[in-house]
Amino acid sequence: MPNALTLTVRRHGVRRRDPRTGQFVKVFTLTYTSEIGPQTRTLTARGIETVGRIINRLADRGEVWDIAVTDKDGRDVTFDFHCFI
């Protein structure tokens, strides 16, 4: 069942296409650790901001830790997002 963004696999990795505009959007990998183990999510910048606010609240309560956001090249871009500043 497709979500708001259709996942498309390209030669250079995973990219997402916005079904409203048909344009590819940049994706990032959000990783964090919780009591059930390491978690990984691939999200757009908007998704990082949305989920990041929730992850930050969980971190404040000590329920998640080791939060990181990387771009498709593996560079750490965590603090490029307002929700983590």
N, C-alpha and C. Protein backbone atom coordinates (compact mmCIF):
# COMPACT_ATOMS: atom_id res chain seq x y z
N MET A 1 0.84 -1.17 0.00
CA MET A 1 0.00 0.00 0.00
C MET A 1 0.89 1.24 0.00
N PRO A 2 0.82 2.07 -1.04
CA PRO A 2 1.70 3.23 -1.11
C PRO A 2 1.34 4.29 -0.09
N ASN A 3 2.38 4.99 0.38
CA ASN A 3 2.14 6.10 1.30
C ASN A 3 2.11 7.39 0.49
N ALA A 4 2.28 8.55 1.12
CA ALA A 4 2.19 9.82 0.43
C ALA A 4 3.26 9.98 -0.64
N LEU A 5 4.37 9.32 -0.45
CA LEU A 5 5.44 9.38 -1.44
C LEU A 5 5.69 7.99 -2.00
N THR A 6 5.83 7.91 -3.30
CA THR A 6 6.08 6.62 -3.93
C THR A 6 7.57 6.36 -3.95
N LEU A 7 7.97 5.21 -3.44
CA LEU A 7 9.38 4.84 -3.37
C LEU A 7 9.84 4.32 -4.72
N THR A 8 10.94 4.88 -5.20
CA THR A 8 11.49 4.47 -6.49
C THR A 8 12.95 4.13 -6.31
N VAL A 9 13.36 3.00 -6.82
CA VAL A 9 14.76 2.61 -6.73
C VAL A 9 15.44 3.02 -8.04
N ARG A 10 16.49 3.78 -7.91
CA ARG A 10 17.27 4.24 -9.05
C ARG A 10 18.66 3.62 -9.00
N ARG A 11 19.40 3.80 -10.05
CA ARG A 11 20.74 3.27 -10.13
C ARG A 11 21.64 3.81 -9.01
N HIS A 12 21.42 5.02 -8.60
CA HIS A 12 22.27 5.65 -7.58
C HIS A 12 21.65 5.61 -6.19
N GLY A 13 20.76 4.71 -5.93
CA GLY A 13 20.19 4.58 -4.60
C GLY A 13 18.68 4.77 -4.60
N VAL A 14 18.15 4.99 -3.41
CA VAL A 14 16.71 5.12 -3.23
C VAL A 14 16.34 6.59 -3.36
N ARG A 15 15.33 6.86 -4.17
CA ARG A 15 14.81 8.22 -4.31
C ARG A 15 13.30 8.14 -4.20
N ARG A 16 12.70 9.23 -3.81
CA ARG A 16 11.25 9.26 -3.70
C ARG A 16 10.68 10.29 -4.65
N ARG A 17 9.53 9.95 -5.20
CA ARG A 17 8.85 10.85 -6.12
C ARG A 17 7.57 11.34 -5.46
N ASP A 18 7.38 12.64 -5.46
CA ASP A 18 6.17 13.25 -4.93
C ASP A 18 5.05 13.03 -5.94
N PRO A 19 4.01 12.27 -5.57
CA PRO A 19 2.96 11.96 -6.55
C PRO A 19 2.16 13.18 -7.01
N ARG A 20 2.16 14.24 -6.22
CA ARG A 20 1.43 15.45 -6.61
C ARG A 20 2.14 16.21 -7.72
N THR A 21 3.48 16.30 -7.62
CA THR A 21 4.25 17.07 -8.59
C THR A 21 4.99 16.20 -9.59
N GLY A 22 5.22 14.95 -9.23
CA GLY A 22 5.99 14.05 -10.09
C GLY A 22 7.49 14.26 -9.98
N GLN A 23 7.92 15.19 -9.14
CA GLN A 23 9.34 15.48 -9.00
C GLN A 23 9.96 14.60 -7.92
N PHE A 24 11.24 14.29 -8.13
CA PHE A 24 11.97 13.56 -7.10
C PHE A 24 12.30 14.52 -5.97
N VAL A 25 12.25 14.04 -4.75
CA VAL A 25 12.60 14.83 -3.58
C VAL A 25 13.78 14.20 -2.87
N LYS A 26 14.56 15.03 -2.22
CA LYS A 26 15.74 14.57 -1.50
C LYS A 26 15.31 13.76 -0.29
N VAL A 27 15.98 12.65 -0.05
CA VAL A 27 15.68 11.83 1.13
C VAL A 27 16.88 11.77 2.05
N PHE A 28 16.59 11.56 3.32
CA PHE A 28 17.60 11.48 4.36
C PHE A 28 17.33 10.23 5.18
N THR A 29 18.35 9.77 5.89
CA THR A 29 18.21 8.61 6.76
C THR A 29 18.29 9.08 8.21
N LEU A 30 17.24 8.82 8.95
CA LEU A 30 17.18 9.13 10.38
C LEU A 30 17.44 7.84 11.13
N THR A 31 18.43 7.86 12.01
CA THR A 31 18.72 6.69 12.84
C THR A 31 18.72 7.11 14.30
N TYR A 32 18.30 6.20 15.13
CA TYR A 32 18.32 6.42 16.58
C TYR A 32 18.23 5.06 17.24
N THR A 33 18.51 5.03 18.53
CA THR A 33 18.45 3.79 19.29
C THR A 33 17.41 3.94 20.39
N SER A 34 16.62 2.90 20.58
CA SER A 34 15.64 2.88 21.66
C SER A 34 15.84 1.58 22.43
N GLU A 35 14.99 1.35 23.40
CA GLU A 35 15.13 0.13 24.21
C GLU A 35 14.93 -1.14 23.39
N ILE A 36 14.27 -1.04 22.24
CA ILE A 36 14.08 -2.24 21.40
C ILE A 36 15.18 -2.40 20.36
N GLY A 37 16.15 -1.46 20.34
CA GLY A 37 17.28 -1.58 19.43
C GLY A 37 17.39 -0.42 18.46
N PRO A 38 18.33 -0.54 17.52
CA PRO A 38 18.53 0.53 16.54
C PRO A 38 17.33 0.66 15.59
N GLN A 39 16.99 1.90 15.27
CA GLN A 39 15.87 2.18 14.37
C GLN A 39 16.39 3.02 13.20
N THR A 40 15.89 2.76 12.01
CA THR A 40 16.28 3.50 10.82
C THR A 40 15.04 3.85 10.01
N ARG A 41 14.95 5.11 9.58
CA ARG A 41 13.83 5.55 8.75
C ARG A 41 14.38 6.40 7.62
N THR A 42 13.86 6.21 6.43
CA THR A 42 14.22 7.03 5.28
C THR A 42 13.07 8.00 5.04
N LEU A 43 13.38 9.31 5.13
CA LEU A 43 12.34 10.33 5.08
C LEU A 43 12.79 11.53 4.25
N THR A 44 11.82 12.31 3.79
CA THR A 44 12.12 13.58 3.15
C THR A 44 12.47 14.59 4.23
N ALA A 45 12.91 15.78 3.82
CA ALA A 45 13.25 16.82 4.80
C ALA A 45 12.02 17.16 5.65
N ARG A 46 10.87 17.23 5.02
CA ARG A 46 9.65 17.52 5.77
C ARG A 46 9.35 16.41 6.79
N GLY A 47 9.57 15.17 6.39
CA GLY A 47 9.37 14.04 7.29
C GLY A 47 10.35 14.06 8.46
N ILE A 48 11.60 14.45 8.17
CA ILE A 48 12.60 14.55 9.25
C ILE A 48 12.15 15.58 10.28
N GLU A 49 11.67 16.73 9.81
CA GLU A 49 11.21 17.76 10.75
C GLU A 49 10.02 17.27 11.58
N THR A 50 9.10 16.58 10.94
CA THR A 50 7.91 16.09 11.65
C THR A 50 8.27 15.01 12.66
N VAL A 51 8.95 13.98 12.21
CA VAL A 51 9.32 12.87 13.09
C VAL A 51 10.38 13.32 14.10
N GLY A 52 11.26 14.23 13.67
CA GLY A 52 12.32 14.72 14.54
C GLY A 52 11.81 15.38 15.80
N ARG A 53 10.70 16.11 15.69
CA ARG A 53 10.12 16.73 16.89
C ARG A 53 9.70 15.66 17.89
N ILE A 54 9.13 14.59 17.41
CA ILE A 54 8.70 13.49 18.29
C ILE A 54 9.92 12.80 18.89
N ILE A 55 10.92 12.53 18.05
CA ILE A 55 12.14 11.86 18.52
C ILE A 55 12.84 12.72 19.58
N ASN A 56 12.85 14.03 19.37
CA ASN A 56 13.46 14.93 20.35
C ASN A 56 12.76 14.86 21.70
N ARG A 57 11.43 14.82 21.68
CA ARG A 57 10.68 14.70 22.94
C ARG A 57 11.00 13.38 23.64
N LEU A 58 11.10 12.31 22.87
CA LEU A 58 11.45 11.01 23.45
C LEU A 58 12.87 11.05 24.03
N ALA A 59 13.77 11.75 23.36
CA ALA A 59 15.15 11.87 23.85
C ALA A 59 15.19 12.64 25.17
N ASP A 60 14.36 13.67 25.26
CA ASP A 60 14.30 14.44 26.51
C ASP A 60 13.85 13.58 27.68
N ARG A 61 13.03 12.57 27.40
CA ARG A 61 12.57 11.64 28.45
C ARG A 61 13.49 10.44 28.61
N GLY A 62 14.57 10.38 27.83
CA GLY A 62 15.53 9.29 27.93
C GLY A 62 15.09 8.00 27.26
N GLU A 63 14.10 8.08 26.37
CA GLU A 63 13.59 6.88 25.72
C GLU A 63 14.30 6.56 24.41
N VAL A 64 14.99 7.53 23.81
CA VAL A 64 15.81 7.29 22.61
C VAL A 64 17.12 8.04 22.76
N TRP A 65 18.14 7.60 22.05
CA TRP A 65 19.45 8.21 22.10
C TRP A 65 20.17 7.92 20.80
N ASP A 66 21.39 8.44 20.64
CA ASP A 66 22.20 8.26 19.43
C ASP A 66 21.44 8.68 18.17
N ILE A 67 20.84 9.84 18.19
CA ILE A 67 20.07 10.34 17.06
C ILE A 67 21.02 10.90 16.01
N ALA A 68 20.81 10.53 14.75
CA ALA A 68 21.62 11.06 13.66
C ALA A 68 20.80 11.10 12.38
N VAL A 69 21.08 12.11 11.56
CA VAL A 69 20.48 12.21 10.23
C VAL A 69 21.63 12.30 9.23
N THR A 70 21.58 11.47 8.21
CA THR A 70 22.61 11.48 7.17
C THR A 70 21.97 11.69 5.81
N ASP A 71 22.76 12.27 4.89
CA ASP A 71 22.27 12.43 3.53
C ASP A 71 22.62 11.18 2.73
N LYS A 72 22.33 11.19 1.43
CA LYS A 72 22.54 9.98 0.63
C LYS A 72 24.01 9.58 0.52
N ASP A 73 24.93 10.54 0.77
CA ASP A 73 26.37 10.25 0.73
C ASP A 73 26.92 9.83 2.09
N GLY A 74 26.04 9.76 3.10
CA GLY A 74 26.46 9.35 4.42
C GLY A 74 26.99 10.47 5.31
N ARG A 75 26.91 11.72 4.84
CA ARG A 75 27.37 12.86 5.65
C ARG A 75 26.35 13.17 6.73
N ASP A 76 26.84 13.50 7.91
CA ASP A 76 25.97 13.85 9.03
C ASP A 76 25.39 15.25 8.79
N VAL A 77 24.07 15.31 8.71
CA VAL A 77 23.38 16.59 8.49
C VAL A 77 22.33 16.82 9.59
N THR A 78 22.54 16.21 10.73
CA THR A 78 21.57 16.28 11.83
C THR A 78 21.20 17.71 12.17
N PHE A 79 22.21 18.55 12.33
CA PHE A 79 21.96 19.91 12.80
C PHE A 79 21.59 20.87 11.68
N ASP A 80 21.36 20.35 10.48
CA ASP A 80 20.80 21.16 9.39
C ASP A 80 19.28 21.26 9.55
N PHE A 81 18.72 20.46 10.44
CA PHE A 81 17.27 20.44 10.66
C PHE A 81 16.93 21.19 11.93
N HIS A 82 15.95 22.08 11.81
CA HIS A 82 15.54 22.94 12.92
C HIS A 82 15.12 22.14 14.16
N CYS A 83 14.49 21.00 13.95
CA CYS A 83 13.98 20.22 15.09
C CYS A 83 15.11 19.69 15.99
N PHE A 84 16.35 19.66 15.50
CA PHE A 84 17.46 19.14 16.30
C PHE A 84 18.40 20.23 16.81
N ILE A 85 18.06 21.49 16.57
CA ILE A 85 18.93 22.59 17.01
C ILE A 85 18.58 22.94 18.44
